[in-house]
Amino acid sequence: MFAISLGEGAELRPIEPWQAQEFLTHVDRAREYAGPWVPLTALTTDLESARERLQSFADRQAADTGRLYGIWLDGTLVGGVLFRIFDTANESCEVGVWLEPSAAGRGLITKASRVVIDWAVDTRGMHRVEWLASSANDRSIAVAERLGMTRDGVLRESFVWQGVRHDMEVWSVLAPQWRKTRDADRAEGSAAR
């Protein structure tokens, strides 16, 4: 299995069905913090549902329609990033993320998102990468902004979650824009050294 360093004891790697207990334990820690925004936290309530959730993503990965990766910090699963939608025919995908409170404020979501967006754009040829967030989810919107995404618009009251209708913001980055921003950031980082 691969692991990609995110720095400072953190790494990104796949989460697989055999890791259902570890996944459930993590979701239990993340539930209150991420629950207002992340359906995965409500859908994963016991070992069977954890295994089913992970198997559904394993099946989606096999079909090339979605993927799920975990973020480990010092050996503990603390969050994740996924491709909720991965549409190779239209060269479009949607990234989703979550984290437990113990790992917040370290930039892990931004770093992990950059890794998977680089892969989607450079390796898989995705042209459009989307990020959907409730207008009330300031943390998620801040990540979209840090990633250099553009706010395409708001789908008013389009998502019902936990009895509340949420306005969903659609953010995106196009492959040429992603590469240009990434390359400029790398050049700026090299010049600073």
C-alpha atoms as a PDB file:
ATOM      1  CA  MET A   1       0.000   0.000   0.000  1.00  0.00           C
ATOM      2  CA  PHE A   2       1.242   3.499  -0.725  1.00  0.00           C
ATOM      3  CA  ALA A   3       1.562   6.298   1.788  1.00  0.00           C
ATOM      4  CA  ILE A   4       2.234   9.912   0.861  1.00  0.00           C
ATOM      5  CA  SER A   5       3.809  12.142   3.473  1.00  0.00           C
ATOM      6  CA  LEU A   6       1.908  15.312   4.324  1.00  0.00           C
ATOM      7  CA  GLY A   7       4.705  16.396   6.675  1.00  0.00           C
ATOM      8  CA  GLU A   8       4.960  16.584  10.454  1.00  0.00           C
ATOM      9  CA  GLY A   9       4.004  12.944  11.088  1.00  0.00           C
ATOM     10  CA  ALA A  10       0.981  12.976   8.762  1.00  0.00           C
ATOM     11  CA  GLU A  11       0.385  10.788   5.746  1.00  0.00           C
ATOM     12  CA  LEU A  12      -2.273  10.097   3.157  1.00  0.00           C
ATOM     13  CA  ARG A  13      -3.139   6.510   2.197  1.00  0.00           C
ATOM     14  CA  PRO A  14      -6.127   4.436   1.087  1.00  0.00           C
ATOM     15  CA  ILE A  15      -8.689   3.206   3.601  1.00  0.00           C
ATOM     16  CA  GLU A  16      -9.787  -0.333   2.814  1.00  0.00           C
ATOM     17  CA  PRO A  17     -12.661  -2.546   4.047  1.00  0.00           C
ATOM     18  CA  TRP A  18     -10.382  -4.550   6.346  1.00  0.00           C
ATOM     19  CA  GLN A  19      -9.806  -1.307   8.298  1.00  0.00           C
ATOM     20  CA  ALA A  20     -13.481  -0.980   9.254  1.00  0.00           C
ATOM     21  CA  GLN A  21     -12.864  -0.981  13.018  1.00  0.00           C
ATOM     22  CA  GLU A  22     -10.201   1.723  12.766  1.00  0.00           C
ATOM     23  CA  PHE A  23     -12.502   3.715  10.492  1.00  0.00           C
ATOM     24  CA  LEU A  24     -15.457   3.384  12.888  1.00  0.00           C
ATOM     25  CA  THR A  25     -13.323   4.434  15.864  1.00  0.00           C
ATOM     26  CA  HIS A  26     -12.201   7.508  13.931  1.00  0.00           C
ATOM     27  CA  VAL A  27     -15.750   8.389  12.796  1.00  0.00           C
ATOM     28  CA  ASP A  28     -16.914   8.174  16.417  1.00  0.00           C
ATOM     29  CA  ARG A  29     -14.272  10.786  17.333  1.00  0.00           C
ATOM     30  CA  ALA A  30     -15.168  12.958  14.312  1.00  0.00           C
ATOM     31  CA  ARG A  31     -18.955  12.654  14.519  1.00  0.00           C
ATOM     32  CA  GLU A  32     -19.797  15.782  16.516  1.00  0.00           C
ATOM     33  CA  TYR A  33     -17.211  18.006  14.775  1.00  0.00           C
ATOM     34  CA  ALA A  34     -17.863  16.901  11.192  1.00  0.00           C
ATOM     35  CA  GLY A  35     -21.454  15.713  11.602  1.00  0.00           C
ATOM     36  CA  PRO A  36     -23.154  19.004  10.745  1.00  0.00           C
ATOM     37  CA  TRP A  37     -21.603  18.825   7.260  1.00  0.00           C
ATOM     38  CA  VAL A  38     -20.538  15.263   6.453  1.00  0.00           C
ATOM     39  CA  PRO A  39     -23.195  12.576   5.855  1.00  0.00           C
ATOM     40  CA  LEU A  40     -20.558   9.868   6.186  1.00  0.00           C
ATOM     41  CA  THR A  41     -20.544  10.494   9.949  1.00  0.00           C
ATOM     42  CA  ALA A  42     -24.261   9.740  10.271  1.00  0.00           C
ATOM     43  CA  LEU A  43     -24.170   6.757   7.929  1.00  0.00           C
ATOM     44  CA  THR A  44     -21.310   5.051   9.768  1.00  0.00           C
ATOM     45  CA  THR A  45     -22.701   3.987  13.138  1.00  0.00           C
ATOM     46  CA  ASP A  46     -21.429   0.450  13.768  1.00  0.00           C
ATOM     47  CA  LEU A  47     -18.893  -2.038  12.441  1.00  0.00           C
ATOM     48  CA  GLU A  48     -21.228  -3.365   9.750  1.00  0.00           C
ATOM     49  CA  SER A  49     -22.024   0.112   8.369  1.00  0.00           C
ATOM     50  CA  ALA A  50     -18.321   1.048   8.505  1.00  0.00           C
ATOM     51  CA  ARG A  51     -17.429  -2.052   6.502  1.00  0.00           C
ATOM     52  CA  GLU A  52     -20.271  -1.355   4.027  1.00  0.00           C
ATOM     53  CA  ARG A  53     -19.142   2.249   3.553  1.00  0.00           C
ATOM     54  CA  LEU A  54     -15.540   1.203   2.927  1.00  0.00           C
ATOM     55  CA  GLN A  55     -16.638  -1.613   0.605  1.00  0.00           C
ATOM     56  CA  SER A  56     -18.803   0.787  -1.393  1.00  0.00           C
ATOM     57  CA  PHE A  57     -15.741   2.957  -2.002  1.00  0.00           C
ATOM     58  CA  ALA A  58     -13.608  -0.095  -2.835  1.00  0.00           C
ATOM     59  CA  ASP A  59     -16.271  -1.027  -5.411  1.00  0.00           C
ATOM     60  CA  ARG A  60     -16.354   2.537  -6.728  1.00  0.00           C
ATOM     61  CA  GLN A  61     -12.568   2.556  -7.025  1.00  0.00           C
ATOM     62  CA  ALA A  62     -12.698  -0.737  -8.953  1.00  0.00           C
ATOM     63  CA  ALA A  63     -15.303   0.846 -11.262  1.00  0.00           C
ATOM     64  CA  ASP A  64     -13.198   4.050 -11.491  1.00  0.00           C
ATOM     65  CA  THR A  65     -16.087   6.187 -10.215  1.00  0.00           C
ATOM     66  CA  GLY A  66     -14.849   7.231  -6.755  1.00  0.00           C
ATOM     67  CA  ARG A  67     -12.016   6.857  -4.241  1.00  0.00           C
ATOM     68  CA  LEU A  68     -11.439   7.189  -0.506  1.00  0.00           C
ATOM     69  CA  TYR A  69      -8.211   8.046   1.311  1.00  0.00           C
ATOM     70  CA  GLY A  70      -7.432   8.458   4.976  1.00  0.00           C
ATOM     71  CA  ILE A  71      -5.268  10.991   6.711  1.00  0.00           C
ATOM     72  CA  TRP A  72      -3.165   9.494   9.494  1.00  0.00           C
ATOM     73  CA  LEU A  73      -1.365  11.629  12.052  1.00  0.00           C
ATOM     74  CA  ASP A  74       1.307   9.867  14.090  1.00  0.00           C
ATOM     75  CA  GLY A  75      -0.258   6.521  13.145  1.00  0.00           C
ATOM     76  CA  THR A  76      -3.856   7.456  14.026  1.00  0.00           C
ATOM     77  CA  LEU A  77      -6.599   7.890  11.419  1.00  0.00           C
ATOM     78  CA  VAL A  78      -7.820  11.497  11.895  1.00  0.00           C
ATOM     79  CA  GLY A  79      -9.611  12.409   8.668  1.00  0.00           C
ATOM     80  CA  GLY A  80     -10.036  11.761   5.026  1.00  0.00           C
ATOM     81  CA  VAL A  81     -10.426  12.974   1.507  1.00  0.00           C
ATOM     82  CA  LEU A  82     -12.492  11.342  -1.186  1.00  0.00           C
ATOM     83  CA  PHE A  83     -13.656  11.620  -4.728  1.00  0.00           C
ATOM     84  CA  ARG A  84     -17.416  11.514  -4.241  1.00  0.00           C
ATOM     85  CA  ILE A  85     -17.793  11.785  -8.014  1.00  0.00           C
ATOM     86  CA  PHE A  86     -15.110  10.675 -10.466  1.00  0.00           C
ATOM     87  CA  ASP A  87     -16.395  10.963 -14.037  1.00  0.00           C
ATOM     88  CA  THR A  88     -13.655  10.113 -16.519  1.00  0.00           C
ATOM     89  CA  ALA A  89     -15.940  10.514 -19.546  1.00  0.00           C
ATOM     90  CA  ASN A  90     -16.590  14.166 -18.705  1.00  0.00           C
ATOM     91  CA  GLU A  91     -13.156  14.685 -17.091  1.00  0.00           C
ATOM     92  CA  SER A  92     -14.822  15.999 -13.944  1.00  0.00           C
ATOM     93  CA  CYS A  93     -14.649  15.012 -10.293  1.00  0.00           C
ATOM     94  CA  GLU A  94     -15.743  16.233  -6.876  1.00  0.00           C
ATOM     95  CA  VAL A  95     -13.490  16.243  -3.817  1.00  0.00           C
ATOM     96  CA  GLY A  96     -14.943  15.867  -0.323  1.00  0.00           C
ATOM     97  CA  VAL A  97     -13.154  16.022   3.034  1.00  0.00           C
ATOM     98  CA  TRP A  98     -13.609  15.573   6.771  1.00  0.00           C
ATOM     99  CA  LEU A  99     -11.488  15.726   9.902  1.00  0.00           C
ATOM    100  CA  GLU A 100     -11.725  15.065  13.605  1.00  0.00           C
ATOM    101  CA  PRO A 101     -11.129  17.978  15.994  1.00  0.00           C
ATOM    102  CA  SER A 102      -7.772  16.711  17.327  1.00  0.00           C
ATOM    103  CA  ALA A 103      -6.217  17.272  13.890  1.00  0.00           C
ATOM    104  CA  ALA A 104      -7.801  20.628  13.040  1.00  0.00           C
ATOM    105  CA  GLY A 105      -5.689  23.684  12.346  1.00  0.00           C
ATOM    106  CA  ARG A 106      -2.674  21.827  10.923  1.00  0.00           C
ATOM    107  CA  GLY A 107      -3.437  22.294   7.228  1.00  0.00           C
ATOM    108  CA  LEU A 108      -3.924  18.558   6.710  1.00  0.00           C
ATOM    109  CA  ILE A 109      -7.088  18.889   4.645  1.00  0.00           C
ATOM    110  CA  THR A 110      -5.493  21.467   2.347  1.00  0.00           C
ATOM    111  CA  LYS A 111      -2.332  19.368   1.907  1.00  0.00           C
ATOM    112  CA  ALA A 112      -4.261  16.138   1.285  1.00  0.00           C
ATOM    113  CA  SER A 113      -6.594  17.878  -1.151  1.00  0.00           C
ATOM    114  CA  ARG A 114      -3.627  19.218  -3.115  1.00  0.00           C
ATOM    115  CA  VAL A 115      -2.217  15.695  -3.428  1.00  0.00           C
ATOM    116  CA  VAL A 116      -5.445  14.189  -4.766  1.00  0.00           C
ATOM    117  CA  ILE A 117      -6.150  17.141  -7.075  1.00  0.00           C
ATOM    118  CA  ASP A 118      -2.623  16.898  -8.504  1.00  0.00           C
ATOM    119  CA  TRP A 119      -3.245  13.199  -9.169  1.00  0.00           C
ATOM    120  CA  ALA A 120      -6.682  13.801 -10.695  1.00  0.00           C
ATOM    121  CA  VAL A 121      -5.422  16.546 -13.011  1.00  0.00           C
ATOM    122  CA  ASP A 122      -1.940  15.291 -13.900  1.00  0.00           C
ATOM    123  CA  THR A 123      -2.366  11.514 -13.866  1.00  0.00           C
ATOM    124  CA  ARG A 124      -6.043  11.001 -14.686  1.00  0.00           C
ATOM    125  CA  GLY A 125      -6.594  13.975 -16.973  1.00  0.00           C
ATOM    126  CA  MET A 126      -9.455  15.577 -15.066  1.00  0.00           C
ATOM    127  CA  HIS A 127     -10.316  18.990 -16.458  1.00  0.00           C
ATOM    128  CA  ARG A 128     -12.674  20.170 -13.718  1.00  0.00           C
ATOM    129  CA  VAL A 129     -12.417  19.525  -9.982  1.00  0.00           C
ATOM    130  CA  GLU A 130     -15.422  20.562  -7.884  1.00  0.00           C
ATOM    131  CA  TRP A 131     -15.833  21.272  -4.191  1.00  0.00           C
ATOM    132  CA  LEU A 132     -19.335  21.553  -2.697  1.00  0.00           C
ATOM    133  CA  ALA A 133     -19.872  23.094   0.715  1.00  0.00           C
ATOM    134  CA  SER A 134     -22.770  24.367   2.735  1.00  0.00           C
ATOM    135  CA  SER A 135     -22.755  28.169   2.792  1.00  0.00           C
ATOM    136  CA  ALA A 136     -22.700  27.835   6.582  1.00  0.00           C
ATOM    137  CA  ASN A 137     -19.503  25.728   6.563  1.00  0.00           C
ATOM    138  CA  ASP A 138     -16.862  28.452   6.827  1.00  0.00           C
ATOM    139  CA  ARG A 139     -13.995  25.968   7.310  1.00  0.00           C
ATOM    140  CA  SER A 140     -14.738  24.109   4.084  1.00  0.00           C
ATOM    141  CA  ILE A 141     -15.141  27.315   2.105  1.00  0.00           C
ATOM    142  CA  ALA A 142     -11.806  28.556   3.461  1.00  0.00           C
ATOM    143  CA  VAL A 143     -10.111  25.386   2.157  1.00  0.00           C
ATOM    144  CA  ALA A 144     -11.653  25.891  -1.303  1.00  0.00           C
ATOM    145  CA  GLU A 145     -10.261  29.430  -1.286  1.00  0.00           C
ATOM    146  CA  ARG A 146      -6.798  28.244  -0.150  1.00  0.00           C
ATOM    147  CA  LEU A 147      -6.829  25.731  -2.988  1.00  0.00           C
ATOM    148  CA  GLY A 148      -7.353  28.591  -5.443  1.00  0.00           C
ATOM    149  CA  MET A 149     -10.818  27.492  -6.461  1.00  0.00           C
ATOM    150  CA  THR A 150     -13.413  29.804  -7.954  1.00  0.00           C
ATOM    151  CA  ARG A 151     -16.898  30.109  -6.492  1.00  0.00           C
ATOM    152  CA  ASP A 152     -19.190  29.174  -9.368  1.00  0.00           C
ATOM    153  CA  GLY A 153     -22.430  29.853  -7.561  1.00  0.00           C
ATOM    154  CA  VAL A 154     -24.896  28.815  -4.901  1.00  0.00           C
ATOM    155  CA  LEU A 155     -27.529  26.103  -5.194  1.00  0.00           C
ATOM    156  CA  ARG A 156     -30.137  27.617  -2.904  1.00  0.00           C
ATOM    157  CA  GLU A 157     -31.659  25.229  -0.339  1.00  0.00           C
ATOM    158  CA  SER A 158     -30.569  22.297  -2.494  1.00  0.00           C
ATOM    159  CA  PHE A 159     -29.381  19.908   0.195  1.00  0.00           C
ATOM    160  CA  VAL A 160     -31.407  18.696   3.154  1.00  0.00           C
ATOM    161  CA  TRP A 161     -29.200  17.471   5.966  1.00  0.00           C
ATOM    162  CA  GLN A 162     -30.369  16.700   9.470  1.00  0.00           C
ATOM    163  CA  GLY A 163     -33.683  18.433   8.851  1.00  0.00           C
ATOM    164  CA  VAL A 164     -32.121  21.674   7.585  1.00  0.00           C
ATOM    165  CA  ARG A 165     -32.135  22.932   4.010  1.00  0.00           C
ATOM    166  CA  HIS A 166     -28.612  24.079   3.149  1.00  0.00           C
ATOM    167  CA  ASP A 167     -27.533  26.453   0.434  1.00  0.00           C
ATOM    168  CA  MET A 168     -24.687  24.611  -1.288  1.00  0.00           C
ATOM    169  CA  GLU A 169     -21.800  26.579  -2.732  1.00  0.00           C
ATOM    170  CA  VAL A 170     -20.166  25.130  -5.814  1.00  0.00           C
ATOM    171  CA  TRP A 171     -16.451  25.844  -6.082  1.00  0.00           C
ATOM    172  CA  SER A 172     -14.196  24.562  -8.836  1.00  0.00           C
ATOM    173  CA  VAL A 173     -10.775  24.689 -10.363  1.00  0.00           C
ATOM    174  CA  LEU A 174      -9.984  23.892 -13.988  1.00  0.00           C
ATOM    175  CA  ALA A 175      -6.846  21.990 -14.919  1.00  0.00           C
ATOM    176  CA  PRO A 176      -5.032  24.912 -16.620  1.00  0.00           C
ATOM    177  CA  GLN A 177      -5.819  27.186 -13.654  1.00  0.00           C
ATOM    178  CA  TRP A 178      -4.676  24.491 -11.176  1.00  0.00           C
ATOM    179  CA  ARG A 179      -1.369  23.909 -12.964  1.00  0.00           C
ATOM    180  CA  LYS A 180      -0.653  27.630 -13.336  1.00  0.00           C
ATOM    181  CA  THR A 181      -1.324  28.378  -9.658  1.00  0.00           C
ATOM    182  CA  ARG A 182       0.553  25.282  -8.464  1.00  0.00           C
ATOM    183  CA  ASP A 183       3.587  26.011 -10.631  1.00  0.00           C
ATOM    184  CA  ALA A 184       3.660  29.649  -9.492  1.00  0.00           C
ATOM    185  CA  ASP A 185       3.449  28.551  -5.837  1.00  0.00           C
ATOM    186  CA  ARG A 186       6.293  26.077  -6.346  1.00  0.00           C
ATOM    187  CA  ALA A 187       8.459  28.683  -8.073  1.00  0.00           C
ATOM    188  CA  GLU A 188       7.764  31.151  -5.273  1.00  0.00           C
ATOM    189  CA  GLY A 189       8.659  28.483  -2.682  1.00  0.00           C
ATOM    190  CA  SER A 190      11.941  27.698  -4.472  1.00  0.00           C
ATOM    191  CA  ALA A 191      12.849  31.378  -4.710  1.00  0.00           C
ATOM    192  CA  ALA A 192      12.229  31.844  -0.983  1.00  0.00           C
ATOM    193  CA  ARG A 193      14.798  29.154  -0.135  1.00  0.00           C
END
